[in-house]
């Protein structure tokens, strides 16, 4: 007797390799996936504009990154002693305008170079709801806690979402590496502040647009993260206390489902060995100068050196120079 509706992932035409570069952008779930790659010592870059939720914001951010756009004072507004960009997450808000511009432009430069060599682009859409600033009629990525009276709220139409996704694909193709893959996901995080019914409508519009786009482009695939949490893990024990965000157990489960299908066997073994090293690095002895501690560190250093020989890019270099 089955008590779960387990979801099986379709085998992709291409799989992630050890030397691949992975660019991820979108909602906070993009950050969660990026964290696993970072721990596994796979080259990746996540959200150079901070967390983004809707397809218009993601498209605009990718366009700026690919054009290596330079933000100036005219691109920022001042609110409550902070200089902010409506294209960015509040992480970039600064009390000094030069600090804000320096951080924004530094992240764009880094992302521009990384995107050129990326083999995979993971895009996580969070919502179809958008806010437009009343004064400029600009669709913003984040309201930065500015009072809602300064914005009008509406939901994107299916045509607007499809157009944004098509623009994203065209941007990638104009800058693409050979065999680059775009992996679309929909965040399982529910936007309950919009309302339960409104959240379902929002997610449905995203899902419908993605499935339409994926069928039209060979470089695109869909990863059913949303369905895994909503159907396979249909229980609140897989959520944090807010009953909205997936907890560590759910994220680990989704990662395992994803990695077994989308990551090449040798690369996955490499990642798992690095996970083990990362866990060992967190170990602490009562006496760090003891023989037991020194022997442990010596064995760990040997493992890291062995892992470093498997790839061309630098891994654990900061650890060897500081801790071991």
Protein backbone atom coordinates (compact mmCIF):
# COMPACT_ATOMS: atom_id res chain seq x y z
CA UNK A 1 0.00 0.00 0.00
CA UNK A 2 1.31 3.42 -0.96
CA UNK A 3 1.00 6.36 1.42
CA UNK A 4 2.76 8.94 -0.77
CA UNK A 5 2.59 10.18 -4.33
CA UNK A 6 6.33 10.13 -5.02
CA UNK A 7 7.44 12.13 -8.05
CA UNK A 8 9.99 10.66 -10.46
CA UNK A 9 12.17 13.13 -12.35
CA UNK A 10 12.69 12.76 -16.07
CA UNK A 11 16.25 12.02 -17.17
CA UNK A 12 17.74 15.16 -18.78
CA UNK A 13 19.63 15.07 -22.07
CA UNK A 14 22.61 16.74 -20.39
CA UNK A 15 23.88 16.35 -16.81
CA UNK A 16 25.90 18.64 -14.57
CA UNK A 17 29.63 17.87 -14.62
CA UNK A 18 32.37 18.58 -12.09
CA UNK A 19 33.82 21.53 -14.00
CA UNK A 20 30.48 23.10 -14.93
CA UNK A 21 29.54 26.63 -13.89
CA UNK A 22 26.00 27.13 -12.59
CA UNK A 23 24.28 30.51 -12.54
CA UNK A 24 21.07 30.71 -10.49
CA UNK A 25 18.62 33.55 -10.12
CA UNK A 26 15.17 34.15 -8.67
CA UNK A 27 13.37 33.51 -5.41
CA UNK A 28 14.93 32.36 -2.15
CA UNK A 29 14.75 28.74 -3.30
CA UNK A 30 17.46 29.57 -5.87
CA UNK A 31 19.68 30.40 -2.89
CA UNK A 32 18.94 27.04 -1.26
CA UNK A 33 20.06 25.10 -4.34
CA UNK A 34 23.12 27.33 -4.67
CA UNK A 35 24.13 26.52 -1.10
CA UNK A 36 24.37 22.80 -1.90
CA UNK A 37 26.61 23.50 -4.91
CA UNK A 38 28.83 25.77 -2.82
CA UNK A 39 29.28 23.11 -0.13
CA UNK A 40 30.02 20.60 -2.87
CA UNK A 41 32.71 22.90 -4.33
CA UNK A 42 30.94 23.25 -7.69
CA UNK A 43 31.40 26.69 -9.24
CA UNK A 44 28.20 28.68 -8.97
CA UNK A 45 26.90 32.22 -8.66
CA UNK A 46 23.51 33.10 -7.21
CA UNK A 47 21.29 36.19 -7.38
CA UNK A 48 23.63 39.09 -8.18
CA UNK A 49 20.62 41.42 -7.67
CA UNK A 50 19.53 39.70 -4.46
CA UNK A 51 16.35 37.67 -4.13
CA UNK A 52 13.93 38.28 -7.01
CA UNK A 53 10.41 36.92 -7.22
CA UNK A 54 8.62 37.69 -10.47
CA UNK A 55 9.64 37.07 -14.11
CA UNK A 56 9.86 40.76 -15.08
CA UNK A 57 12.42 41.45 -12.35
CA UNK A 58 14.43 38.37 -13.31
CA UNK A 59 14.41 39.34 -16.98
CA UNK A 60 15.53 42.89 -16.20
CA UNK A 61 18.33 41.65 -13.96
CA UNK A 62 19.63 39.20 -16.56
CA UNK A 63 19.56 41.93 -19.21
CA UNK A 64 21.60 44.26 -16.99
CA UNK A 65 24.10 41.50 -16.23
CA UNK A 66 24.55 40.52 -19.88
CA UNK A 67 24.96 44.16 -20.93
CA UNK A 68 27.36 44.74 -18.01
CA UNK A 69 25.28 47.78 -17.15
CA UNK A 70 26.72 50.45 -14.88
CA UNK A 71 24.28 51.93 -12.35
CA UNK A 72 24.57 55.63 -11.58
CA UNK A 73 23.06 58.05 -9.08
CA UNK A 74 20.07 58.56 -11.39
CA UNK A 75 19.13 54.88 -10.95
CA UNK A 76 18.72 55.18 -7.18
CA UNK A 77 16.10 56.83 -4.98
CA UNK A 78 16.42 57.94 -1.39
CA UNK A 79 13.98 56.78 1.29
CA UNK A 80 14.42 56.92 5.07
CA UNK A 81 18.10 57.87 4.75
CA UNK A 82 18.78 54.88 2.51
CA UNK A 83 19.68 54.85 -1.18
CA UNK A 84 17.80 52.08 -2.93
CA UNK A 85 17.44 50.52 -6.36
CA UNK A 86 13.99 49.30 -7.34
CA UNK A 87 15.72 46.63 -9.46
CA UNK A 88 17.42 45.09 -6.43
CA UNK A 89 16.71 43.40 -3.12
CA UNK A 90 16.97 45.49 0.05
CA UNK A 91 20.37 43.87 0.73
CA UNK A 92 21.78 46.59 -1.53
CA UNK A 93 20.22 49.49 0.42
CA UNK A 94 22.94 51.75 1.84
CA UNK A 95 23.05 55.04 3.71
CA UNK A 96 25.95 56.14 1.47
CA UNK A 97 25.13 56.37 -2.24
CA UNK A 98 28.67 55.49 -3.31
CA UNK A 99 28.60 52.34 -1.19
CA UNK A 100 25.32 51.30 -2.80
CA UNK A 101 26.58 51.91 -6.33
CA UNK A 102 29.89 50.20 -5.66
CA UNK A 103 28.17 47.05 -4.37
CA UNK A 104 25.59 46.99 -7.20
CA UNK A 105 28.17 47.46 -9.96
CA UNK A 106 30.66 45.04 -8.41
CA UNK A 107 28.03 42.27 -8.37
CA UNK A 108 27.06 43.01 -11.98
CA UNK A 109 30.70 42.82 -13.14
CA UNK A 110 31.21 39.50 -11.37
CA UNK A 111 27.95 38.07 -12.74
CA UNK A 112 28.69 39.30 -16.27
CA UNK A 113 31.97 37.38 -16.38
CA UNK A 114 30.52 34.29 -14.72
CA UNK A 115 27.46 34.12 -16.95
CA UNK A 116 29.64 34.03 -20.06
CA UNK A 117 31.13 30.71 -18.94
CA UNK A 118 28.00 29.23 -17.36
CA UNK A 119 26.81 25.82 -18.53
CA UNK A 120 23.56 25.89 -16.55
CA UNK A 121 21.17 28.70 -15.70
CA UNK A 122 18.65 27.85 -12.98
CA UNK A 123 15.69 30.25 -12.82
CA UNK A 124 13.28 30.03 -9.90
CA UNK A 125 10.03 31.99 -10.28
CA UNK A 126 8.17 32.88 -7.11
CA UNK A 127 5.08 34.89 -7.98
CA UNK A 128 3.03 36.49 -10.75
CA UNK A 129 2.09 39.44 -8.54
CA UNK A 130 3.92 42.70 -9.21
CA UNK A 131 4.07 46.23 -7.81
CA UNK A 132 4.30 49.33 -9.99
CA UNK A 133 5.56 52.58 -8.54
CA UNK A 134 2.85 55.17 -9.02
CA UNK A 135 5.22 58.04 -9.75
CA UNK A 136 7.26 56.36 -12.51
CA UNK A 137 4.94 53.47 -13.53
CA UNK A 138 8.03 51.25 -13.10
CA UNK A 139 7.56 47.58 -12.25
CA UNK A 140 9.76 47.12 -9.20
CA UNK A 141 11.60 44.04 -7.99
CA UNK A 142 11.22 45.05 -4.35
CA UNK A 143 9.25 47.73 -2.50
CA UNK A 144 11.95 48.18 0.18
CA UNK A 145 9.28 48.67 2.87
CA UNK A 146 8.13 51.91 1.27
CA UNK A 147 4.41 52.45 2.12
CA UNK A 148 2.09 50.62 -0.25
CA UNK A 149 0.25 53.83 -1.14
CA UNK A 150 3.20 54.59 -3.43
CA UNK A 151 2.55 51.45 -5.50
CA UNK A 152 -0.24 49.78 -7.40
CA UNK A 153 -0.47 46.00 -7.23
CA UNK A 154 -1.65 43.68 -9.98
CA UNK A 155 -1.09 40.20 -11.33
CA UNK A 156 0.79 39.61 -14.56
CA UNK A 157 -1.17 38.21 -17.47
CA UNK A 158 -0.17 34.90 -19.01
CA UNK A 159 1.03 36.84 -22.09
CA UNK A 160 3.27 39.10 -20.00
CA UNK A 161 4.83 36.09 -18.25
CA UNK A 162 5.39 34.24 -21.53
CA UNK A 163 6.92 37.35 -23.12
CA UNK A 164 9.29 37.75 -20.16
CA UNK A 165 10.38 34.11 -20.36
CA UNK A 166 10.88 34.37 -24.12
CA UNK A 167 13.01 37.47 -23.55
CA UNK A 168 15.09 35.54 -21.00
CA UNK A 169 15.73 32.74 -23.48
CA UNK A 170 16.65 35.19 -26.23
CA UNK A 171 19.08 36.94 -23.88
CA UNK A 172 20.70 33.65 -22.93
CA UNK A 173 20.92 32.51 -26.55
CA UNK A 174 22.58 35.77 -27.58
CA UNK A 175 25.22 35.26 -24.89
CA UNK A 176 25.12 31.49 -24.75
CA UNK A 177 27.86 28.96 -24.40
CA UNK A 178 27.60 25.78 -26.43
CA UNK A 179 25.07 23.35 -24.92
CA UNK A 180 23.98 25.76 -22.17
CA UNK A 181 20.82 24.59 -20.40
CA UNK A 182 18.09 26.69 -18.76
CA UNK A 183 16.38 24.91 -15.88
CA UNK A 184 13.11 26.53 -14.80
CA UNK A 185 11.58 25.91 -11.38
CA UNK A 186 8.67 27.38 -9.44
CA UNK A 187 9.34 28.14 -5.80
CA UNK A 188 7.33 25.98 -3.38
CA UNK A 189 7.20 28.93 -0.96
CA UNK A 190 3.60 30.15 -0.81
CA UNK A 191 2.97 33.90 -0.82
CA UNK A 192 0.11 33.79 1.67
CA UNK A 193 0.10 37.56 2.18
CA UNK A 194 -1.44 37.74 -1.28
CA UNK A 195 -4.14 35.30 -0.14
CA UNK A 196 -4.41 31.52 -0.52
CA UNK A 197 -6.56 31.66 -3.65
CA UNK A 198 -4.44 34.47 -5.10
CA UNK A 199 -1.26 32.46 -4.44
CA UNK A 200 -2.64 29.45 -6.27
CA UNK A 201 -3.63 31.63 -9.22
CA UNK A 202 -0.16 33.18 -9.23
CA UNK A 203 1.65 29.83 -9.21
CA UNK A 204 -0.69 28.41 -11.86
CA UNK A 205 0.10 31.22 -14.26
CA UNK A 206 3.82 30.63 -13.79
CA UNK A 207 3.50 26.88 -14.29
CA UNK A 208 1.39 27.22 -17.43
CA UNK A 209 3.83 29.70 -19.00
CA UNK A 210 6.90 27.61 -18.18
CA UNK A 211 5.42 24.40 -19.61
CA UNK A 212 4.50 26.23 -22.80
CA UNK A 213 8.00 27.68 -23.14
CA UNK A 214 9.83 24.42 -22.37
CA UNK A 215 8.02 22.66 -25.20
CA UNK A 216 9.21 25.33 -27.63
CA UNK A 217 12.92 25.35 -26.75
CA UNK A 218 15.31 22.39 -26.60
CA UNK A 219 17.65 24.26 -24.24
CA UNK A 220 14.95 24.54 -21.56
CA UNK A 221 13.78 22.03 -18.97
CA UNK A 222 11.40 22.11 -16.00
CA UNK A 223 12.30 20.84 -12.54
CA UNK A 224 9.11 20.09 -10.51
CA UNK A 225 10.29 21.45 -7.17
CA UNK A 226 6.85 22.95 -6.50
CA UNK A 227 5.11 19.62 -7.10
CA UNK A 228 7.60 17.69 -4.94
CA UNK A 229 6.76 19.79 -1.90
CA UNK A 230 3.05 20.19 -2.61
CA UNK A 231 2.34 16.54 -3.47
CA UNK A 232 5.22 14.26 -2.51
CA UNK A 233 5.95 15.99 0.84
CA UNK A 234 2.35 16.92 1.58
CA UNK A 235 2.76 17.36 5.33
CA UNK A 236 3.50 20.35 7.55
CA UNK A 237 6.34 18.47 9.26
CA UNK A 238 8.38 19.39 6.17
CA UNK A 239 7.90 23.12 6.78
CA UNK A 240 9.51 25.64 9.11
CA UNK A 241 7.51 27.14 11.96
CA UNK A 242 5.99 29.74 9.63
CA UNK A 243 4.30 26.86 7.72
CA UNK A 244 5.43 28.54 4.49
CA UNK A 245 9.11 27.80 3.92
CA UNK A 246 10.42 24.23 3.47
CA UNK A 247 12.62 23.06 6.34
CA UNK A 248 16.09 21.52 6.10
CA UNK A 249 14.67 18.01 5.81
CA UNK A 250 12.52 18.98 2.83
CA UNK A 251 15.39 20.84 1.15
CA UNK A 252 17.68 17.84 1.63
CA UNK A 253 15.06 15.57 0.08
CA UNK A 254 14.60 17.85 -2.93
CA UNK A 255 18.36 18.15 -3.37
CA UNK A 256 18.75 14.35 -3.33
CA UNK A 257 15.98 13.92 -5.90
CA UNK A 258 17.53 16.59 -8.11
CA UNK A 259 21.17 15.57 -7.74
CA UNK A 260 20.62 11.87 -8.48
CA UNK A 261 19.03 12.71 -11.83
CA UNK A 262 20.70 15.95 -12.94
CA UNK A 263 24.30 15.46 -11.79
CA UNK A 264 26.75 13.12 -13.50
CA UNK A 265 27.84 10.17 -11.35
CA UNK A 266 31.49 11.23 -11.04
CA UNK A 267 30.47 14.79 -10.20
CA UNK A 268 27.97 13.59 -7.60
CA UNK A 269 30.63 11.43 -5.93
CA UNK A 270 32.95 14.47 -5.93
CA UNK A 271 30.22 16.57 -4.28
CA UNK A 272 29.45 13.94 -1.63
CA UNK A 273 33.14 13.67 -0.71
CA UNK A 274 33.27 17.44 -0.33
CA UNK A 275 30.16 17.36 1.85
CA UNK A 276 32.00 14.91 4.10
CA UNK A 277 35.05 17.19 4.23
CA UNK A 278 32.87 20.21 5.06
CA UNK A 279 31.31 18.29 7.95
CA UNK A 280 34.76 17.27 9.20
CA UNK A 281 35.92 20.89 9.06
CA UNK A 282 33.18 21.79 11.54
CA UNK A 283 34.53 19.29 14.08
CA UNK A 284 36.17 20.82 17.14
CA UNK A 285 38.46 19.21 19.73
CA UNK A 286 38.66 20.16 23.39
CA UNK A 287 42.41 20.46 22.87
CA UNK A 288 43.24 21.69 19.37
CA UNK A 289 46.94 21.05 20.04
CA UNK A 290 46.50 17.41 21.02
CA UNK A 291 48.03 14.59 18.96
CA UNK A 292 44.55 13.35 18.15
CA UNK A 293 43.65 16.77 16.74
CA UNK A 294 46.85 17.00 14.70
CA UNK A 295 46.37 13.52 13.24
CA UNK A 296 42.77 14.36 12.35
CA UNK A 297 43.83 17.54 10.58
CA UNK A 298 46.60 15.73 8.73
CA UNK A 299 44.19 13.11 7.37
CA UNK A 300 41.71 15.82 6.43
CA UNK A 301 44.38 17.78 4.59
CA UNK A 302 45.24 14.67 2.57
CA UNK A 303 41.60 14.26 1.58
CA UNK A 304 41.38 17.90 0.46
CA UNK A 305 44.59 17.64 -1.58
CA UNK A 306 43.22 14.50 -3.25
CA UNK A 307 39.99 16.33 -4.12
CA UNK A 308 41.91 19.31 -5.50
CA UNK A 309 43.66 17.07 -8.02
CA UNK A 310 40.29 16.09 -9.52
CA UNK A 311 39.39 19.56 -10.82
CA UNK A 312 41.02 22.53 -12.54
CA UNK A 313 39.25 25.20 -10.46
CA UNK A 314 40.32 26.09 -6.92
CA UNK A 315 38.58 24.31 -4.01
CA UNK A 316 39.18 24.56 -0.25
CA UNK A 317 42.15 26.89 -0.86
CA UNK A 318 41.14 29.23 1.99
CA UNK A 319 40.80 26.27 4.37
CA UNK A 320 44.29 24.94 3.71
CA UNK A 321 45.87 28.36 4.20
CA UNK A 322 44.03 29.18 7.42
CA UNK A 323 42.79 26.14 9.34
CA UNK A 324 45.05 23.20 8.47
